[in-house]
Amino acid sequence: MLLSYLQSKKGQGLAEYALILSLIAIIAIAALFFLGGQISKILSSIGAAL
């Protein structure tokens, strides 16, 4: 009984970790989508300066 309890907690922690990672990935993709043009301009000016 103790072993099954510990395994269920481990699975729950893994699921929460996966949810947090997916949320971070969605936020990063949204940030790149909205800020992509500005980032491109900055990188282009840095490349031209080099």
N, C-alpha and C. Protein backbone atom coordinates (compact mmCIF):
# COMPACT_ATOMS: atom_id res chain seq x y z
N MET A 1 0.81 -1.19 0.00
CA MET A 1 0.00 0.00 0.00
C MET A 1 0.86 1.26 0.00
N LEU A 2 1.93 1.27 0.78
CA LEU A 2 2.83 2.42 0.83
C LEU A 2 3.52 2.63 -0.51
N LEU A 3 3.90 1.52 -1.15
CA LEU A 3 4.58 1.63 -2.45
C LEU A 3 3.66 2.24 -3.50
N SER A 4 2.41 1.82 -3.53
CA SER A 4 1.47 2.38 -4.52
C SER A 4 1.20 3.85 -4.23
N TYR A 5 1.18 4.23 -2.94
CA TYR A 5 0.97 5.65 -2.58
C TYR A 5 2.14 6.50 -3.08
N LEU A 6 3.36 6.01 -2.90
CA LEU A 6 4.54 6.76 -3.34
C LEU A 6 4.58 6.87 -4.87
N GLN A 7 4.20 5.81 -5.56
CA GLN A 7 4.20 5.84 -7.01
C GLN A 7 3.16 6.82 -7.53
N SER A 8 2.00 6.91 -6.90
CA SER A 8 0.98 7.84 -7.35
C SER A 8 1.44 9.28 -7.14
N LYS A 9 2.16 9.54 -6.06
CA LYS A 9 2.69 10.89 -5.82
C LYS A 9 3.75 11.24 -6.85
N LYS A 10 4.57 10.28 -7.23
CA LYS A 10 5.61 10.52 -8.22
C LYS A 10 4.97 10.85 -9.58
N GLY A 11 3.92 10.12 -9.93
CA GLY A 11 3.22 10.39 -11.19
C GLY A 11 2.54 11.74 -11.18
N GLN A 12 2.01 12.13 -10.05
CA GLN A 12 1.36 13.43 -9.93
C GLN A 12 2.39 14.54 -10.08
N GLY A 13 3.56 14.40 -9.47
CA GLY A 13 4.61 15.40 -9.59
C GLY A 13 5.10 15.53 -11.02
N LEU A 14 5.21 14.40 -11.71
CA LEU A 14 5.64 14.42 -13.10
C LEU A 14 4.62 15.13 -13.99
N ALA A 15 3.35 14.89 -13.73
CA ALA A 15 2.30 15.55 -14.51
C ALA A 15 2.31 17.06 -14.27
N GLU A 16 2.51 17.47 -13.02
CA GLU A 16 2.58 18.90 -12.72
C GLU A 16 3.79 19.54 -13.39
N TYR A 17 4.91 18.83 -13.38
CA TYR A 17 6.13 19.33 -14.04
C TYR A 17 5.89 19.50 -15.54
N ALA A 18 5.22 18.54 -16.15
CA ALA A 18 4.93 18.62 -17.58
C ALA A 18 3.99 19.80 -17.88
N LEU A 19 3.02 20.04 -17.02
CA LEU A 19 2.11 21.17 -17.23
C LEU A 19 2.86 22.50 -17.12
N ILE A 20 3.75 22.61 -16.16
CA ILE A 20 4.53 23.85 -16.01
C ILE A 20 5.42 24.07 -17.22
N LEU A 21 6.07 23.01 -17.70
CA LEU A 21 6.93 23.14 -18.89
C LEU A 21 6.13 23.54 -20.12
N SER A 22 4.95 22.97 -20.28
CA SER A 22 4.14 23.33 -21.44
C SER A 22 3.65 24.78 -21.35
N LEU A 23 3.32 25.25 -20.15
CA LEU A 23 2.92 26.64 -19.97
C LEU A 23 4.07 27.59 -20.30
N ILE A 24 5.27 27.26 -19.87
CA ILE A 24 6.44 28.09 -20.18
C ILE A 24 6.68 28.11 -21.68
N ALA A 25 6.53 26.97 -22.34
CA ALA A 25 6.74 26.90 -23.78
C ALA A 25 5.71 27.75 -24.52
N ILE A 26 4.47 27.72 -24.08
CA ILE A 26 3.42 28.53 -24.73
C ILE A 26 3.70 30.01 -24.55
N ILE A 27 4.14 30.40 -23.36
CA ILE A 27 4.46 31.81 -23.11
C ILE A 27 5.65 32.24 -23.97
N ALA A 28 6.66 31.40 -24.09
CA ALA A 28 7.83 31.74 -24.90
C ALA A 28 7.45 31.88 -26.37
N ILE A 29 6.61 30.99 -26.88
CA ILE A 29 6.19 31.07 -28.28
C ILE A 29 5.36 32.33 -28.52
N ALA A 30 4.48 32.66 -27.59
CA ALA A 30 3.68 33.88 -27.72
C ALA A 30 4.56 35.12 -27.69
N ALA A 31 5.56 35.14 -26.83
CA ALA A 31 6.47 36.28 -26.75
C ALA A 31 7.25 36.43 -28.05
N LEU A 32 7.71 35.33 -28.61
CA LEU A 32 8.43 35.40 -29.88
C LEU A 32 7.52 35.87 -31.01
N PHE A 33 6.27 35.44 -30.96
CA PHE A 33 5.32 35.84 -32.00
C PHE A 33 5.07 37.34 -31.96
N PHE A 34 4.88 37.89 -30.76
CA PHE A 34 4.55 39.31 -30.64
C PHE A 34 5.79 40.21 -30.72
N LEU A 35 6.94 39.72 -30.30
CA LEU A 35 8.14 40.55 -30.27
C LEU A 35 9.13 40.18 -31.37
N GLY A 36 8.76 39.29 -32.26
CA GLY A 36 9.67 38.80 -33.29
C GLY A 36 10.21 39.89 -34.18
N GLY A 37 9.37 40.83 -34.59
CA GLY A 37 9.83 41.90 -35.46
C GLY A 37 10.84 42.80 -34.80
N GLN A 38 10.61 43.13 -33.55
CA GLN A 38 11.54 43.98 -32.83
C GLN A 38 12.87 43.27 -32.59
N ILE A 39 12.81 42.00 -32.25
CA ILE A 39 14.04 41.23 -32.04
C ILE A 39 14.83 41.13 -33.35
N SER A 40 14.13 40.94 -34.44
CA SER A 40 14.79 40.86 -35.75
C SER A 40 15.51 42.16 -36.08
N LYS A 41 14.88 43.30 -35.82
CA LYS A 41 15.51 44.59 -36.08
C LYS A 41 16.77 44.77 -35.24
N ILE A 42 16.68 44.40 -33.98
CA ILE A 42 17.84 44.54 -33.09
C ILE A 42 18.99 43.67 -33.55
N LEU A 43 18.69 42.42 -33.89
CA LEU A 43 19.75 41.51 -34.35
C LEU A 43 20.34 41.96 -35.69
N SER A 44 19.52 42.53 -36.55
CA SER A 44 20.02 43.04 -37.82
C SER A 44 20.97 44.22 -37.61
N SER A 45 20.62 45.12 -36.69
CA SER A 45 21.50 46.26 -36.43
C SER A 45 22.81 45.80 -35.79
N ILE A 46 22.74 44.79 -34.94
CA ILE A 46 23.98 44.27 -34.35
C ILE A 46 24.84 43.61 -35.43
N GLY A 47 24.21 42.86 -36.31
CA GLY A 47 24.96 42.22 -37.41
C GLY A 47 25.59 43.23 -38.35
N ALA A 48 24.88 44.32 -38.62
CA ALA A 48 25.43 45.34 -39.50
C ALA A 48 26.60 46.07 -38.84
N ALA A 49 26.54 46.23 -37.53
CA ALA A 49 27.62 46.92 -36.81
C ALA A 49 28.88 46.07 -36.78
N LEU A 50 28.74 44.79 -36.83
CA LEU A 50 29.92 43.91 -36.80
C LEU A 50 30.57 43.90 -38.16
